[in-house]
């Protein structure tokens, strides 16, 4: 009982991703003297069989990445985090029926991760302007205006979107890529605005920052990408729901921005990133870092309340769609902690990845 209380106090049960939480619950059940061994063995078998599928998917994604040549054709500025990204994806949906959805999401996750790194860590201001214009025009002929590394990546972006569009056309769902393209373009416009602030040494107000920051947090794009491979349940209404910034969708983006900024503040500041939500709040309101953290935590809790309320009244979109938003929001707590970014500096993420993707239940 004491361990269960401690576990719940660290993070409320509602905020745990199902797959990672199952590793804890199975071990907890195993320690129960009155356990049903048949049930326990079935749970372990189910976990292990699904883990085999997840490992195969990760191998497929790794081969895709290697075949494109990200590591050889891009300068070494980008975070090579395929495993961490896949772990993030399993947080969104772990079930066998979403195998294709996970693979598509990971490809799209790789694209937005490299895009983020180009704007944050490598591209010069003039290069970023050219890249943003090219993304907005979405035409391969624009690639000739870009430096070689950007030209390569720009073509990969367009080719990957086209490949997914062709796959979805077979089931009459190619419209999904139109929504995805719009979110990619909106993300790049947001990244460009942040690059401009950084270039001009401008610290925006907290409100200015959050208006752009909930877009550059990437979760409008990620939510849309998560729906892309889900099949008929993710119809046009689901994509419109995200694009119109419905309450739960927006709340997940607010949560992503706040949790990301609390977790990555030190790292981003050291590499010359635009002021974070923490720094904008401190400068505008003259508070301490701890006070800013507490305020951002309250904003995060308000976002969680919005998600919970929509989960209790799923009238606009089907429950599988809302569940993706919920699970992606939960996954943020697996990835980030105060001044810890598990996606970039993955030491505290390693045990979670091993428990979910490496170590079988014995």
Protein backbone atom coordinates (compact mmCIF):
# COMPACT_ATOMS: atom_id res chain seq x y z
CA UNK A 1 0.00 0.00 0.00
CA UNK A 2 2.81 2.43 0.88
CA UNK A 3 4.43 1.98 -2.54
CA UNK A 4 1.08 2.58 -4.27
CA UNK A 5 0.53 5.80 -2.33
CA UNK A 6 4.06 6.97 -3.12
CA UNK A 7 3.55 6.13 -6.80
CA UNK A 8 0.28 8.08 -6.96
CA UNK A 9 1.76 11.07 -5.12
CA UNK A 10 4.59 11.38 -7.64
CA UNK A 11 2.08 11.64 -10.46
CA UNK A 12 -1.72 11.19 -10.33
CA UNK A 13 -2.85 7.93 -11.93
CA UNK A 14 -4.87 9.83 -14.54
CA UNK A 15 -1.63 11.30 -15.93
CA UNK A 16 0.20 8.00 -16.46
CA UNK A 17 0.56 6.56 -19.96
CA UNK A 18 -1.10 3.12 -20.07
CA UNK A 19 1.85 1.14 -21.45
CA UNK A 20 4.47 2.39 -19.00
CA UNK A 21 2.01 2.17 -16.13
CA UNK A 22 1.32 -1.48 -16.97
CA UNK A 23 4.95 -2.34 -16.16
CA UNK A 24 4.41 -1.00 -12.64
CA UNK A 25 0.99 -2.56 -12.15
CA UNK A 26 2.07 -6.05 -13.28
CA UNK A 27 5.01 -6.03 -10.87
CA UNK A 28 2.74 -4.72 -8.12
CA UNK A 29 0.24 -7.50 -8.75
CA UNK A 30 3.04 -10.06 -8.72
CA UNK A 31 3.95 -8.99 -5.18
CA UNK A 32 0.38 -9.59 -3.98
CA UNK A 33 0.24 -12.87 -1.96
CA UNK A 34 -3.35 -13.47 -3.09
CA UNK A 35 -2.59 -13.03 -6.80
CA UNK A 36 -4.03 -15.30 -9.48
CA UNK A 37 -0.95 -16.80 -11.16
CA UNK A 38 -2.85 -17.66 -14.34
CA UNK A 39 -3.97 -14.06 -14.72
CA UNK A 40 -0.44 -12.85 -13.94
CA UNK A 41 1.12 -15.12 -16.55
CA UNK A 42 -1.41 -14.03 -19.18
CA UNK A 43 -0.63 -10.37 -18.43
CA UNK A 44 3.10 -11.02 -18.83
CA UNK A 45 2.57 -12.97 -22.04
CA UNK A 46 0.41 -10.21 -23.49
CA UNK A 47 3.02 -7.60 -22.53
CA UNK A 48 5.88 -9.59 -24.08
CA UNK A 49 4.06 -10.34 -27.34
CA UNK A 50 3.23 -6.68 -27.80
CA UNK A 51 6.80 -5.71 -26.94
CA UNK A 52 8.01 -7.91 -29.82
CA UNK A 53 5.72 -6.00 -32.20
CA UNK A 54 6.98 -2.67 -30.87
CA UNK A 55 10.61 -3.72 -31.35
CA UNK A 56 9.86 -4.75 -34.94
CA UNK A 57 8.24 -1.38 -35.63
CA UNK A 58 11.25 0.43 -34.19
CA UNK A 59 13.52 -1.63 -36.44
CA UNK A 60 11.39 -0.67 -39.46
CA UNK A 61 11.56 3.02 -38.56
CA UNK A 62 15.33 2.79 -38.05
CA UNK A 63 15.75 1.24 -41.51
CA UNK A 64 13.60 4.00 -43.01
CA UNK A 65 15.73 6.68 -41.34
CA UNK A 66 18.97 5.03 -42.47
CA UNK A 67 17.71 4.62 -46.04
CA UNK A 68 17.04 8.35 -46.25
CA UNK A 69 20.45 9.18 -44.82
CA UNK A 70 19.60 11.72 -42.14
CA UNK A 71 22.80 10.98 -40.21
CA UNK A 72 25.07 11.24 -43.27
CA UNK A 73 23.45 14.01 -45.30
CA UNK A 74 22.65 16.47 -42.51
CA UNK A 75 25.24 18.33 -40.41
CA UNK A 76 25.46 16.93 -36.84
CA UNK A 77 23.11 19.51 -35.32
CA UNK A 78 20.00 17.38 -35.09
CA UNK A 79 19.09 15.20 -32.13
CA UNK A 80 19.16 11.55 -33.19
CA UNK A 81 16.32 10.37 -31.00
CA UNK A 82 14.46 7.65 -32.89
CA UNK A 83 14.12 5.42 -29.83
CA UNK A 84 12.96 8.26 -27.59
CA UNK A 85 10.47 9.39 -30.24
CA UNK A 86 9.14 5.86 -30.59
CA UNK A 87 8.73 5.60 -26.81
CA UNK A 88 6.77 8.86 -26.98
CA UNK A 89 4.58 7.35 -29.69
CA UNK A 90 3.88 4.20 -27.68
CA UNK A 91 2.62 6.55 -24.99
CA UNK A 92 0.02 7.78 -27.46
CA UNK A 93 -1.14 4.36 -28.60
CA UNK A 94 0.36 0.97 -27.83
CA UNK A 95 -2.35 -1.34 -29.21
CA UNK A 96 -1.57 -3.69 -32.15
CA UNK A 97 -4.32 -2.15 -34.30
CA UNK A 98 -2.43 1.15 -34.33
CA UNK A 99 0.80 -0.31 -35.73
CA UNK A 100 0.59 1.66 -38.98
CA UNK A 101 -0.38 4.81 -37.10
CA UNK A 102 2.73 4.54 -34.92
CA UNK A 103 5.02 4.13 -37.91
CA UNK A 104 3.49 7.12 -39.71
CA UNK A 105 3.62 9.24 -36.57
CA UNK A 106 7.29 8.40 -36.02
CA UNK A 107 8.22 9.45 -39.55
CA UNK A 108 6.36 12.72 -39.07
CA UNK A 109 7.86 13.13 -35.60
CA UNK A 110 11.35 12.79 -37.10
CA UNK A 111 10.52 15.54 -39.57
CA UNK A 112 9.24 18.05 -37.00
CA UNK A 113 12.15 17.25 -34.66
CA UNK A 114 14.73 18.06 -37.35
CA UNK A 115 12.76 21.15 -38.35
CA UNK A 116 12.80 22.36 -34.76
CA UNK A 117 16.56 21.82 -34.55
CA UNK A 118 17.16 23.68 -37.81
CA UNK A 119 15.39 26.75 -36.45
CA UNK A 120 16.77 26.47 -32.92
CA UNK A 121 20.34 25.34 -33.37
CA UNK A 122 21.78 25.56 -36.87
CA UNK A 123 20.14 27.68 -39.55
CA UNK A 124 21.23 31.27 -40.03
CA UNK A 125 18.50 33.90 -39.97
CA UNK A 126 18.53 34.41 -43.79
CA UNK A 127 18.49 30.62 -44.32
CA UNK A 128 15.51 30.27 -42.01
CA UNK A 129 13.62 32.93 -43.96
CA UNK A 130 14.26 31.00 -47.19
CA UNK A 131 13.21 27.71 -45.63
CA UNK A 132 10.01 29.20 -44.21
CA UNK A 133 9.10 30.65 -47.60
CA UNK A 134 9.76 27.27 -49.24
CA UNK A 135 7.55 25.43 -46.74
CA UNK A 136 4.74 27.93 -47.29
CA UNK A 137 4.98 27.51 -51.07
CA UNK A 138 5.33 23.70 -50.86
CA UNK A 139 6.93 23.27 -54.26
CA UNK A 140 10.08 21.27 -55.00
CA UNK A 141 11.35 24.03 -57.27
CA UNK A 142 11.87 26.13 -54.12
CA UNK A 143 14.62 23.75 -53.05
CA UNK A 144 17.10 25.25 -55.51
CA UNK A 145 17.16 28.45 -53.41
CA UNK A 146 18.18 26.61 -50.24
CA UNK A 147 21.63 25.62 -48.96
CA UNK A 148 22.45 21.97 -49.62
CA UNK A 149 21.51 20.57 -46.21
CA UNK A 150 18.17 22.40 -46.28
CA UNK A 151 17.50 21.38 -49.86
CA UNK A 152 18.01 17.72 -48.93
CA UNK A 153 15.72 17.98 -45.92
CA UNK A 154 13.09 20.02 -47.78
CA UNK A 155 12.85 17.31 -50.43
CA UNK A 156 12.55 14.63 -47.72
CA UNK A 157 9.65 16.55 -46.15
CA UNK A 158 7.76 16.84 -49.43
CA UNK A 159 8.51 13.24 -50.44
CA UNK A 160 7.40 11.84 -47.07
CA UNK A 161 4.14 13.77 -47.12
CA UNK A 162 3.53 12.64 -50.71
CA UNK A 163 4.25 9.01 -49.79
CA UNK A 164 1.75 9.15 -46.92
CA UNK A 165 -0.81 10.90 -49.12
CA UNK A 166 -0.59 8.12 -51.72
CA UNK A 167 -0.99 5.45 -49.05
CA UNK A 168 -4.07 7.14 -47.60
CA UNK A 169 -5.58 7.73 -51.05
CA UNK A 170 -6.23 3.98 -51.28
CA UNK A 171 -8.75 4.33 -48.46
CA UNK A 172 -10.16 7.71 -49.47
CA UNK A 173 -8.38 9.61 -46.69
CA UNK A 174 -5.74 11.62 -48.55
CA UNK A 175 -7.39 14.76 -47.14
CA UNK A 176 -5.52 14.04 -43.88
CA UNK A 177 -2.27 15.21 -45.46
CA UNK A 178 -3.79 18.59 -46.34
CA UNK A 179 -4.44 19.21 -42.64
CA UNK A 180 -0.98 17.93 -41.77
CA UNK A 181 0.63 20.24 -44.32
CA UNK A 182 -1.18 23.25 -42.83
CA UNK A 183 0.09 22.36 -39.36
CA UNK A 184 3.64 21.96 -40.68
CA UNK A 185 3.41 25.39 -42.30
CA UNK A 186 1.96 26.96 -39.15
CA UNK A 187 4.77 25.42 -37.08
CA UNK A 188 7.44 26.86 -39.38
CA UNK A 189 5.83 30.31 -39.28
CA UNK A 190 5.90 30.09 -35.49
CA UNK A 191 9.53 28.94 -35.44
CA UNK A 192 10.38 31.86 -37.72
CA UNK A 193 8.74 34.34 -35.36
CA UNK A 194 10.74 32.93 -32.47
CA UNK A 195 13.92 33.12 -34.57
CA UNK A 196 13.14 36.78 -35.26
CA UNK A 197 12.75 37.49 -31.55
CA UNK A 198 16.05 35.75 -30.86
CA UNK A 199 17.77 37.58 -33.74
CA UNK A 200 16.56 40.93 -32.38
CA UNK A 201 17.29 40.02 -28.72
CA UNK A 202 13.64 40.73 -28.00
CA UNK A 203 11.95 39.22 -24.95
CA UNK A 204 8.21 39.03 -25.67
CA UNK A 205 5.53 39.46 -23.05
CA UNK A 206 4.21 36.24 -21.60
CA UNK A 207 1.00 36.61 -23.63
CA UNK A 208 2.93 37.28 -26.86
CA UNK A 209 5.12 34.28 -26.23
CA UNK A 210 2.31 31.86 -25.40
CA UNK A 211 0.32 32.85 -28.50
CA UNK A 212 3.20 31.60 -30.65
CA UNK A 213 4.53 29.08 -28.15
CA UNK A 214 1.48 26.83 -28.12
CA UNK A 215 2.03 26.41 -31.88
CA UNK A 216 5.80 25.85 -31.72
CA UNK A 217 5.33 23.33 -28.91
CA UNK A 218 4.41 21.12 -31.85
CA UNK A 219 1.32 19.43 -30.47
CA UNK A 220 -1.15 20.74 -33.04
CA UNK A 221 1.13 19.09 -35.59
CA UNK A 222 1.68 15.97 -33.45
CA UNK A 223 -2.02 15.49 -32.69
CA UNK A 224 -2.79 15.79 -36.40
CA UNK A 225 0.03 13.39 -37.24
CA UNK A 226 -1.25 10.93 -34.63
CA UNK A 227 -4.67 10.83 -36.31
CA UNK A 228 -3.24 10.34 -39.80
CA UNK A 229 -2.76 6.57 -39.71
CA UNK A 230 -5.73 5.70 -37.50
CA UNK A 231 -8.16 4.82 -40.27
CA UNK A 232 -11.81 5.80 -40.66
CA UNK A 233 -12.30 6.86 -37.04
CA UNK A 234 -10.06 9.86 -37.83
CA UNK A 235 -12.35 11.49 -40.37
CA UNK A 236 -12.47 15.09 -41.58
CA UNK A 237 -14.34 16.16 -38.45
CA UNK A 238 -11.44 14.98 -36.29
CA UNK A 239 -8.89 16.98 -38.27
CA UNK A 240 -11.15 20.05 -38.32
CA UNK A 241 -11.52 19.68 -34.56
CA UNK A 242 -7.76 20.08 -34.10
CA UNK A 243 -7.35 22.81 -36.69
CA UNK A 244 -10.14 24.87 -35.13
CA UNK A 245 -8.25 24.62 -31.83
CA UNK A 246 -10.98 22.88 -29.88
CA UNK A 247 -10.66 23.00 -26.12
CA UNK A 248 -8.90 19.68 -25.42
CA UNK A 249 -6.66 20.05 -28.48
CA UNK A 250 -5.60 23.54 -27.41
CA UNK A 251 -5.15 22.40 -23.81
CA UNK A 252 -2.73 19.67 -24.91
CA UNK A 253 -0.70 22.31 -26.76
CA UNK A 254 -0.66 24.63 -23.73
CA UNK A 255 0.47 21.70 -21.61
CA UNK A 256 3.17 20.78 -24.13
CA UNK A 257 4.50 24.35 -24.12
CA UNK A 258 4.56 24.72 -20.35
CA UNK A 259 6.00 21.29 -19.55
CA UNK A 260 8.59 21.63 -22.33
CA UNK A 261 9.73 25.06 -21.18
CA UNK A 262 10.07 24.04 -17.55
CA UNK A 263 12.05 20.97 -18.62
CA UNK A 264 14.27 22.51 -21.30
CA UNK A 265 14.89 25.99 -19.91
CA UNK A 266 18.56 25.48 -19.03
CA UNK A 267 19.43 23.60 -22.20
CA UNK A 268 17.70 26.03 -24.56
CA UNK A 269 19.19 29.07 -22.83
CA UNK A 270 22.69 27.62 -23.20
CA UNK A 271 22.26 27.21 -26.97
CA UNK A 272 20.89 30.71 -27.54
CA UNK A 273 17.20 29.95 -27.82
CA UNK A 274 14.43 32.54 -27.58
CA UNK A 275 13.36 33.34 -24.02
CA UNK A 276 11.17 30.57 -22.60
CA UNK A 277 7.79 30.92 -20.92
CA UNK A 278 9.63 30.91 -17.58
CA UNK A 279 11.92 33.80 -18.56
CA UNK A 280 9.12 35.79 -20.21
CA UNK A 281 7.01 35.47 -17.07
CA UNK A 282 9.92 36.44 -14.80
CA UNK A 283 10.75 39.53 -16.87
CA UNK A 284 7.16 40.72 -17.23
CA UNK A 285 6.04 40.21 -13.64
CA UNK A 286 9.29 40.54 -11.70
CA UNK A 287 8.97 37.22 -9.88
CA UNK A 288 11.50 34.57 -8.92
CA UNK A 289 12.13 31.45 -10.97
CA UNK A 290 10.32 29.34 -8.37
CA UNK A 291 7.29 31.65 -8.48
CA UNK A 292 7.26 31.48 -12.28
CA UNK A 293 7.39 27.68 -12.11
CA UNK A 294 4.43 27.63 -9.73
CA UNK A 295 2.41 29.89 -12.02
CA UNK A 296 3.17 27.70 -15.03
CA UNK A 297 2.19 24.60 -13.07
CA UNK A 298 -1.19 26.22 -12.38
CA UNK A 299 -1.60 26.91 -16.10
CA UNK A 300 -0.76 23.25 -16.77
CA UNK A 301 -3.36 22.10 -14.24
CA UNK A 302 -5.99 24.32 -15.88
CA UNK A 303 -5.12 22.67 -19.20
CA UNK A 304 -5.55 19.26 -17.60
CA UNK A 305 -8.99 20.28 -16.34
CA UNK A 306 -10.02 21.19 -19.90
CA UNK A 307 -8.86 17.80 -21.17
CA UNK A 308 -10.69 15.98 -18.37
CA UNK A 309 -13.93 17.86 -19.02
CA UNK A 310 -13.86 16.97 -22.72
CA UNK A 311 -13.15 13.33 -21.87
CA UNK A 312 -16.25 13.29 -19.66
CA UNK A 313 -18.41 14.76 -22.43
CA UNK A 314 -17.15 13.31 -25.74
CA UNK A 315 -19.80 14.84 -27.98
CA UNK A 316 -17.74 16.46 -30.74
CA UNK A 317 -15.29 13.74 -31.78
CA UNK A 318 -15.15 9.99 -31.04
CA UNK A 319 -13.49 8.72 -27.87
CA UNK A 320 -10.51 7.17 -29.77
CA UNK A 321 -9.63 10.68 -31.00
CA UNK A 322 -9.92 12.23 -27.54
CA UNK A 323 -7.89 9.36 -26.11
CA UNK A 324 -5.00 10.16 -28.45
CA UNK A 325 -4.97 13.75 -27.19
CA UNK A 326 -5.18 12.51 -23.61
CA UNK A 327 -2.36 9.99 -24.04
CA UNK A 328 -0.10 12.44 -25.86
CA UNK A 329 -0.65 14.84 -22.95
CA UNK A 330 0.19 12.07 -20.50
CA UNK A 331 3.35 11.25 -22.46
CA UNK A 332 4.71 14.72 -21.73
CA UNK A 333 5.12 13.71 -18.08
CA UNK A 334 7.16 10.68 -19.15
CA UNK A 335 9.50 12.87 -21.21
CA UNK A 336 9.92 16.06 -19.16
CA UNK A 337 10.61 17.01 -15.57
CA UNK A 338 11.75 20.24 -13.92
CA UNK A 339 14.98 21.23 -15.72
CA UNK A 340 15.05 17.77 -17.33
CA UNK A 341 14.36 17.10 -20.99
CA UNK A 342 14.34 13.37 -21.56
CA UNK A 343 14.13 13.78 -25.31
CA UNK A 344 17.38 15.76 -25.49
CA UNK A 345 19.27 14.50 -22.42
CA UNK A 346 17.86 11.02 -22.06
CA UNK A 347 19.50 9.70 -18.88
CA UNK A 348 16.32 9.82 -16.80
CA UNK A 349 14.28 8.42 -19.69
CA UNK A 350 16.48 5.35 -20.11
CA UNK A 351 14.89 3.20 -17.35
CA UNK A 352 11.41 3.92 -18.74
CA UNK A 353 12.47 2.94 -22.26
CA UNK A 354 14.12 -0.23 -21.01
CA UNK A 355 11.01 -1.22 -19.04
CA UNK A 356 8.72 -0.61 -22.00
CA UNK A 357 10.74 -1.63 -25.06
CA UNK A 358 13.71 -3.73 -23.94
CA UNK A 359 13.11 -5.84 -20.85
CA UNK A 360 10.52 -8.63 -21.16
CA UNK A 361 8.31 -9.62 -18.24
CA UNK A 362 9.68 -12.84 -16.70
